[in-house]
């Protein structure tokens, strides 16, 4: 998917991976990936919470619309 969005192929991803490995070293790389994973997880949780709140509010608005007081 990443390659479809930015037009990056396999060789380019390999070069980027090697550069990241050289910059952060083998010992820091797992820590970096854990941080990235937890950040993505937090983002997805926040997104899901917002989506559920919007759905709940839409249901309430539909109920009010169908049953005026």
Protein backbone atom coordinates (compact mmCIF):
# COMPACT_ATOMS: atom_id res chain seq x y z
CA UNK A 1 0.00 0.00 0.00
CA UNK A 2 2.82 2.37 0.88
CA UNK A 3 4.41 1.77 -2.49
CA UNK A 4 1.10 2.46 -4.25
CA UNK A 5 0.68 5.82 -2.54
CA UNK A 6 4.21 7.17 -2.92
CA UNK A 7 5.37 5.21 -5.96
CA UNK A 8 8.18 3.53 -4.05
CA UNK A 9 9.29 0.11 -5.21
CA UNK A 10 11.03 -2.76 -3.46
CA UNK A 11 14.57 -1.54 -4.11
CA UNK A 12 13.81 1.91 -2.75
CA UNK A 13 12.27 0.43 0.40
CA UNK A 14 15.37 -1.73 0.87
CA UNK A 15 17.65 1.30 0.57
CA UNK A 16 15.48 3.26 3.04
CA UNK A 17 15.60 0.31 5.45
CA UNK A 18 19.40 0.14 5.24
CA UNK A 19 19.70 3.88 5.85
CA UNK A 20 17.45 3.62 8.91
CA UNK A 21 19.51 0.67 10.17
CA UNK A 22 22.72 2.67 9.76
CA UNK A 23 21.26 5.75 11.45
CA UNK A 24 19.74 4.04 14.49
CA UNK A 25 21.82 0.88 14.74
CA UNK A 26 20.65 -2.66 15.35
CA UNK A 27 20.04 -2.13 19.07
CA UNK A 28 17.83 0.95 18.73
CA UNK A 29 15.79 -0.35 15.81
CA UNK A 30 13.49 -2.67 17.83
CA UNK A 31 12.82 0.16 20.30
CA UNK A 32 12.02 2.50 17.41
CA UNK A 33 9.62 -0.03 15.86
CA UNK A 34 7.87 -0.61 19.22
CA UNK A 35 7.38 3.13 19.58
CA UNK A 36 6.06 3.37 16.05
CA UNK A 37 3.69 0.44 16.65
CA UNK A 38 2.33 1.91 19.87
CA UNK A 39 1.82 5.26 18.18
CA UNK A 40 -0.13 3.65 15.34
CA UNK A 41 -2.17 1.66 17.87
CA UNK A 42 -3.03 4.83 19.84
CA UNK A 43 -4.00 6.63 16.64
CA UNK A 44 -6.30 3.77 15.58
CA UNK A 45 -7.89 3.63 19.04
CA UNK A 46 -8.58 7.37 18.97
CA UNK A 47 -9.99 7.10 15.45
CA UNK A 48 -12.29 4.24 16.47
CA UNK A 49 -13.49 6.17 19.53
CA UNK A 50 -14.33 9.21 17.42
CA UNK A 51 -16.13 7.06 14.84
CA UNK A 52 -18.24 5.37 17.51
CA UNK A 53 -19.14 8.72 19.09
CA UNK A 54 -20.19 10.11 15.72
CA UNK A 55 -22.33 7.02 15.04
CA UNK A 56 -24.01 7.31 18.45
CA UNK A 57 -24.76 10.98 17.86
CA UNK A 58 -26.14 10.24 14.40
CA UNK A 59 -28.45 7.59 15.90
CA UNK A 60 -29.66 10.07 18.53
CA UNK A 61 -30.32 12.70 15.86
CA UNK A 62 -32.27 10.19 13.78
CA UNK A 63 -34.38 9.25 16.82
CA UNK A 64 -35.12 12.92 17.52
CA UNK A 65 -35.95 13.49 13.88
CA UNK A 66 -38.37 10.53 13.76
CA UNK A 67 -39.94 11.19 17.17
CA UNK A 68 -40.33 14.95 17.63
CA UNK A 69 -41.23 15.97 21.17
